[in-house]
Amino acid sequence: MKFYYLTDESEKSLAPFFSKRVLETVWAAVAIVGVFAMVFWSRQPLAELIAAGNTPTIFFLVCAATLIVYCYVNLCCGGGEMVRRGYYMMNYRTDKPTHEMEIAFYRYGLIEFILHTIVLLLPFLPLLSLAAVSSAVSMITFIKAVSILFAASLLCRLSGFLVYLFWGRSSTLGYFAARGLMILFVLATLFFAPVINPLRQLYLLNQNPDSGSDLFAIYTAFVSFAIMMLILVNNVLVSRYINKGEGSKVQG
């Protein structure tokens, strides 16, 4: 089996790892986080903040900015919005079946999503590390924060792919549905289900990492369950599409 997501930049691939558009988007996202960090960076020395009993918040702020842009990039990648579209596709709104739809999900799409989500996280790590050092965040807290970012973004990636399987990448309804799912999880849950909100978990880790262990476990369990359900549903839909295509070939 060929891993087309590494080389194929046509509309047959949802989001090639090293395509120009994907790279430009992720570096723009890193730049946004960098500017955000510069604007809100504390001018007061860390020792003075700790002596005054204040907890530095720059780590939470950088993590929050990273969460939003990182999830959004993965949502777009999962929905196939990062592809370089040809002249015919742009003008006639065609939507060719992608490799992710034509190859078994567990053997291709799932591997691609996990690997690409990790790859897209790497450019943010220097900024996250710098913010962690400036906020005197422990390594364990840093790892927990990174795991929250990764899991939330993988969930958005799978959600984007689910929307793509239902509506394709040219649907206005699908466009808004995907963003609605992200807003619901990243922002809206802060008001009606704060225990599963990633922003709140990041804030608790920054403020007092020892006090939120139980809440972090609940959050991890919920997100893990949601990811597993999305994997199962996406696998069923891809398998149905593959079987339908094979049935059409037999009838033909």
Protein backbone atom coordinates (compact mmCIF):
# COMPACT_ATOMS: atom_id res chain seq x y z
CA MET A 1 0.00 0.00 0.00
CA LYS A 2 1.28 3.45 -0.92
CA PHE A 3 1.04 6.30 1.58
CA TYR A 4 -0.33 8.90 -0.83
CA TYR A 5 -0.69 11.53 1.88
CA LEU A 6 3.09 11.97 1.83
CA THR A 7 3.40 12.74 -1.88
CA ASP A 8 0.06 13.14 -3.67
CA GLU A 9 -0.94 16.82 -3.83
CA SER A 10 -3.97 16.29 -6.07
CA GLU A 11 -7.62 16.44 -5.01
CA LYS A 12 -7.40 12.67 -4.44
CA SER A 13 -5.63 13.33 -1.14
CA LEU A 14 -7.33 15.11 1.77
CA ALA A 15 -4.26 16.91 3.14
CA PRO A 16 -0.78 15.99 1.85
CA PHE A 17 1.74 16.31 4.70
CA PHE A 18 4.21 18.54 2.93
CA SER A 19 2.10 20.32 0.37
CA LYS A 20 2.65 24.06 0.00
CA ARG A 21 -0.81 24.98 1.24
CA VAL A 22 -0.60 22.82 4.38
CA LEU A 23 2.86 24.14 5.26
CA GLU A 24 1.85 27.76 4.67
CA THR A 25 -1.23 27.31 6.85
CA VAL A 26 0.58 25.70 9.77
CA TRP A 27 3.37 28.30 9.76
CA ALA A 28 0.76 31.06 9.67
CA ALA A 29 -0.86 29.41 12.70
CA VAL A 30 2.50 29.30 14.51
CA ALA A 31 3.04 32.98 13.69
CA ILE A 32 -0.37 33.84 15.17
CA VAL A 33 0.53 32.04 18.41
CA GLY A 34 3.93 33.76 18.45
CA VAL A 35 2.39 37.23 18.11
CA PHE A 36 -0.19 36.34 20.76
CA ALA A 37 2.61 35.28 23.12
CA MET A 38 4.55 38.50 22.51
CA VAL A 39 1.50 40.68 23.23
CA PHE A 40 0.60 38.96 26.49
CA TRP A 41 4.10 38.10 27.69
CA SER A 42 4.56 39.28 31.28
CA ARG A 43 7.08 42.10 31.68
CA GLN A 44 7.37 41.31 35.39
CA PRO A 45 10.14 38.86 36.41
CA LEU A 46 8.98 35.37 37.36
CA ALA A 47 10.54 35.63 40.83
CA GLU A 48 8.52 38.76 41.60
CA LEU A 49 5.29 37.11 40.45
CA ILE A 50 5.87 34.07 42.64
CA ALA A 51 6.88 36.24 45.62
CA ALA A 52 3.64 38.20 45.24
CA GLY A 53 1.64 34.95 45.21
CA ASN A 54 0.58 35.32 41.59
CA THR A 55 0.59 32.43 39.13
CA PRO A 56 2.05 33.27 35.69
CA THR A 57 -0.64 32.76 33.06
CA ILE A 58 1.44 32.95 29.88
CA PHE A 59 1.58 29.16 29.60
CA PHE A 60 -2.21 28.92 29.64
CA LEU A 61 -2.57 31.77 27.15
CA VAL A 62 -0.09 30.24 24.69
CA CYS A 63 -1.72 26.81 25.09
CA ALA A 64 -5.18 28.31 24.54
CA ALA A 65 -4.08 30.11 21.37
CA THR A 66 -2.36 26.95 20.14
CA LEU A 67 -5.45 24.86 20.88
CA ILE A 68 -7.73 27.04 18.77
CA VAL A 69 -5.50 27.37 15.70
CA TYR A 70 -4.17 23.80 15.92
CA CYS A 71 -7.69 22.35 16.15
CA TYR A 72 -8.85 24.52 13.27
CA VAL A 73 -5.99 23.44 11.01
CA ASN A 74 -6.73 19.78 11.75
CA LEU A 75 -10.45 20.34 11.19
CA CYS A 76 -9.69 21.75 7.74
CA CYS A 77 -7.27 18.91 6.98
CA GLY A 78 -9.85 16.30 7.99
CA GLY A 79 -12.45 17.92 5.77
CA GLY A 80 -10.17 18.05 2.74
CA GLU A 81 -10.02 21.84 2.62
CA MET A 82 -6.21 21.95 2.28
CA VAL A 83 -6.04 20.30 -1.12
CA ARG A 84 -4.66 22.14 -4.14
CA ARG A 85 -7.62 22.16 -6.48
CA GLY A 86 -7.22 22.11 -10.22
CA TYR A 87 -8.95 24.37 -12.73
CA TYR A 88 -11.70 21.87 -13.48
CA MET A 89 -12.49 21.27 -9.81
CA MET A 90 -12.60 24.97 -8.96
CA ASN A 91 -14.96 25.83 -11.79
CA TYR A 92 -17.32 22.87 -11.84
CA ARG A 93 -17.36 21.95 -8.14
CA THR A 94 -16.45 18.33 -8.79
CA ASP A 95 -15.46 16.22 -5.82
CA LYS A 96 -13.39 13.17 -6.66
CA PRO A 97 -13.34 10.28 -4.14
CA THR A 98 -10.14 10.50 -2.10
CA HIS A 99 -7.68 7.79 -1.14
CA GLU A 100 -9.08 8.04 2.40
CA MET A 101 -12.47 6.90 1.07
CA GLU A 102 -11.15 4.16 -1.20
CA ILE A 103 -8.77 2.44 1.26
CA ALA A 104 -9.84 0.77 4.51
CA PHE A 105 -9.93 3.39 7.28
CA TYR A 106 -7.86 1.43 9.82
CA ARG A 107 -5.17 0.75 7.22
CA TYR A 108 -4.88 4.26 5.83
CA GLY A 109 -7.01 7.17 7.04
CA LEU A 110 -6.60 6.53 10.77
CA ILE A 111 -2.82 6.13 10.45
CA GLU A 112 -2.65 9.31 8.38
CA PHE A 113 -4.71 11.33 10.87
CA ILE A 114 -2.67 10.29 13.91
CA LEU A 115 0.70 10.84 12.22
CA HIS A 116 -0.27 14.16 10.62
CA THR A 117 -1.75 15.49 13.87
CA ILE A 118 1.59 14.76 15.55
CA VAL A 119 3.56 16.36 12.70
CA LEU A 120 1.42 19.51 12.82
CA LEU A 121 2.01 19.82 16.57
CA LEU A 122 5.81 19.87 16.29
CA PRO A 123 6.19 23.50 15.07
CA PHE A 124 4.26 24.72 18.12
CA LEU A 125 6.47 22.93 20.65
CA PRO A 126 9.23 25.61 20.86
CA LEU A 127 6.69 28.29 21.79
CA LEU A 128 4.95 25.96 24.24
CA SER A 129 8.29 25.02 25.82
CA LEU A 130 9.31 28.65 26.17
CA ALA A 131 6.00 29.52 27.82
CA ALA A 132 6.31 26.52 30.14
CA VAL A 133 9.78 27.59 31.28
CA SER A 134 8.69 31.18 31.84
CA SER A 135 5.75 29.97 33.95
CA ALA A 136 7.82 27.44 35.93
CA VAL A 137 5.61 24.59 34.69
CA SER A 138 6.75 21.07 35.51
CA MET A 139 7.49 18.48 32.85
CA ILE A 140 4.49 16.37 33.88
CA THR A 141 2.17 19.36 33.55
CA PHE A 142 3.70 20.20 30.19
CA ILE A 143 3.13 16.65 28.92
CA LYS A 144 -0.47 16.74 30.14
CA ALA A 145 -1.06 20.04 28.34
CA VAL A 146 0.44 18.71 25.11
CA SER A 147 -1.71 15.59 25.39
CA ILE A 148 -4.82 17.79 25.72
CA LEU A 149 -3.82 19.69 22.58
CA PHE A 150 -3.17 16.51 20.63
CA ALA A 151 -6.36 14.72 21.69
CA ALA A 152 -8.57 17.75 21.04
CA SER A 153 -7.05 18.26 17.61
CA LEU A 154 -7.36 14.58 16.68
CA LEU A 155 -11.01 14.75 17.68
CA CYS A 156 -11.47 17.79 15.42
CA ARG A 157 -9.63 15.99 12.63
CA LEU A 158 -11.95 13.01 12.87
CA SER A 159 -14.99 15.32 13.09
CA GLY A 160 -13.90 17.13 9.94
CA PHE A 161 -13.55 13.80 8.13
CA LEU A 162 -16.99 12.70 9.33
CA VAL A 163 -18.51 15.87 7.90
CA TYR A 164 -16.57 15.27 4.66
CA LEU A 165 -17.96 11.74 4.36
CA PHE A 166 -21.52 13.09 4.68
CA TRP A 167 -21.34 16.24 2.57
CA GLY A 168 -18.02 16.32 0.72
CA ARG A 169 -15.72 19.34 0.69
CA SER A 170 -17.79 21.62 -1.54
CA SER A 171 -20.89 21.76 0.66
CA THR A 172 -21.77 25.01 2.41
CA LEU A 173 -23.76 23.05 4.99
CA GLY A 174 -20.76 20.80 5.64
CA TYR A 175 -18.48 23.84 5.97
CA PHE A 176 -20.58 25.34 8.75
CA ALA A 177 -21.36 21.98 10.36
CA ALA A 178 -17.65 21.22 10.81
CA ARG A 179 -16.97 24.59 12.41
CA GLY A 180 -20.07 24.23 14.55
CA LEU A 181 -18.73 20.96 15.97
CA MET A 182 -15.40 22.59 16.79
CA ILE A 183 -17.06 25.60 18.46
CA LEU A 184 -19.30 23.26 20.43
CA PHE A 185 -16.37 21.27 21.80
CA VAL A 186 -13.70 23.96 22.25
CA LEU A 187 -15.85 26.89 23.39
CA ALA A 188 -19.49 26.04 24.13
CA THR A 189 -18.74 23.22 26.57
CA LEU A 190 -17.09 25.84 28.77
CA PHE A 191 -20.61 26.96 29.72
CA PHE A 192 -22.71 23.79 29.83
CA ALA A 193 -20.12 21.01 30.40
CA PRO A 194 -16.91 22.61 31.77
CA VAL A 195 -15.45 19.30 32.94
CA ILE A 196 -14.94 18.22 29.30
CA ASN A 197 -13.78 21.60 28.03
CA PRO A 198 -10.11 21.60 26.90
CA LEU A 199 -9.60 25.32 27.64
CA ARG A 200 -10.69 24.83 31.25
CA GLN A 201 -8.40 21.82 31.61
CA LEU A 202 -5.46 23.87 30.35
CA TYR A 203 -6.32 26.68 32.76
CA LEU A 204 -6.47 24.29 35.73
CA LEU A 205 -3.12 22.79 34.76
CA ASN A 206 -1.57 26.26 34.70
CA GLN A 207 -3.11 27.41 37.98
CA ASN A 208 -2.84 24.31 40.16
CA PRO A 209 -1.96 21.07 38.37
CA ASP A 210 -2.22 18.95 41.54
CA SER A 211 -5.82 19.90 42.31
CA GLY A 212 -7.28 18.90 38.94
CA SER A 213 -6.12 15.28 38.66
CA ASP A 214 -9.63 13.81 38.91
CA LEU A 215 -11.04 16.33 36.43
CA PHE A 216 -8.18 15.61 34.03
CA ALA A 217 -8.97 11.89 34.25
CA ILE A 218 -12.65 12.55 33.50
CA TYR A 219 -11.74 14.79 30.57
CA THR A 220 -9.29 12.22 29.19
CA ALA A 221 -11.88 9.44 29.47
CA PHE A 222 -14.54 11.50 27.68
CA VAL A 223 -12.27 12.61 24.83
CA SER A 224 -10.88 9.10 24.41
CA PHE A 225 -14.43 7.73 24.19
CA ALA A 226 -15.44 10.42 21.69
CA ILE A 227 -12.37 9.67 19.55
CA MET A 228 -13.12 5.94 19.60
CA MET A 229 -16.72 6.54 18.56
CA LEU A 230 -15.64 8.79 15.69
CA ILE A 231 -13.14 6.17 14.57
CA LEU A 232 -15.83 3.48 14.55
CA VAL A 233 -18.36 5.65 12.69
CA ASN A 234 -15.79 6.80 10.12
CA ASN A 235 -14.70 3.22 9.58
CA VAL A 236 -18.29 2.11 8.98
CA LEU A 237 -18.89 4.91 6.48
CA VAL A 238 -15.64 4.27 4.59
CA SER A 239 -16.32 0.51 4.52
CA ARG A 240 -19.83 1.16 3.20
CA TYR A 241 -18.45 3.39 0.44
CA ILE A 242 -15.81 0.79 -0.52
CA ASN A 243 -18.38 -2.03 -0.58
CA LYS A 244 -20.75 0.10 -2.62
CA GLY A 245 -18.00 0.81 -5.15
CA GLU A 246 -17.10 -2.87 -5.42
CA GLY A 247 -20.76 -3.75 -5.88
CA SER A 248 -21.05 -1.24 -8.71
CA LYS A 249 -18.03 -2.78 -10.42
CA VAL A 250 -19.53 -6.28 -10.18
CA GLN A 251 -22.86 -5.08 -11.65
CA GLY A 252 -21.02 -3.23 -14.39
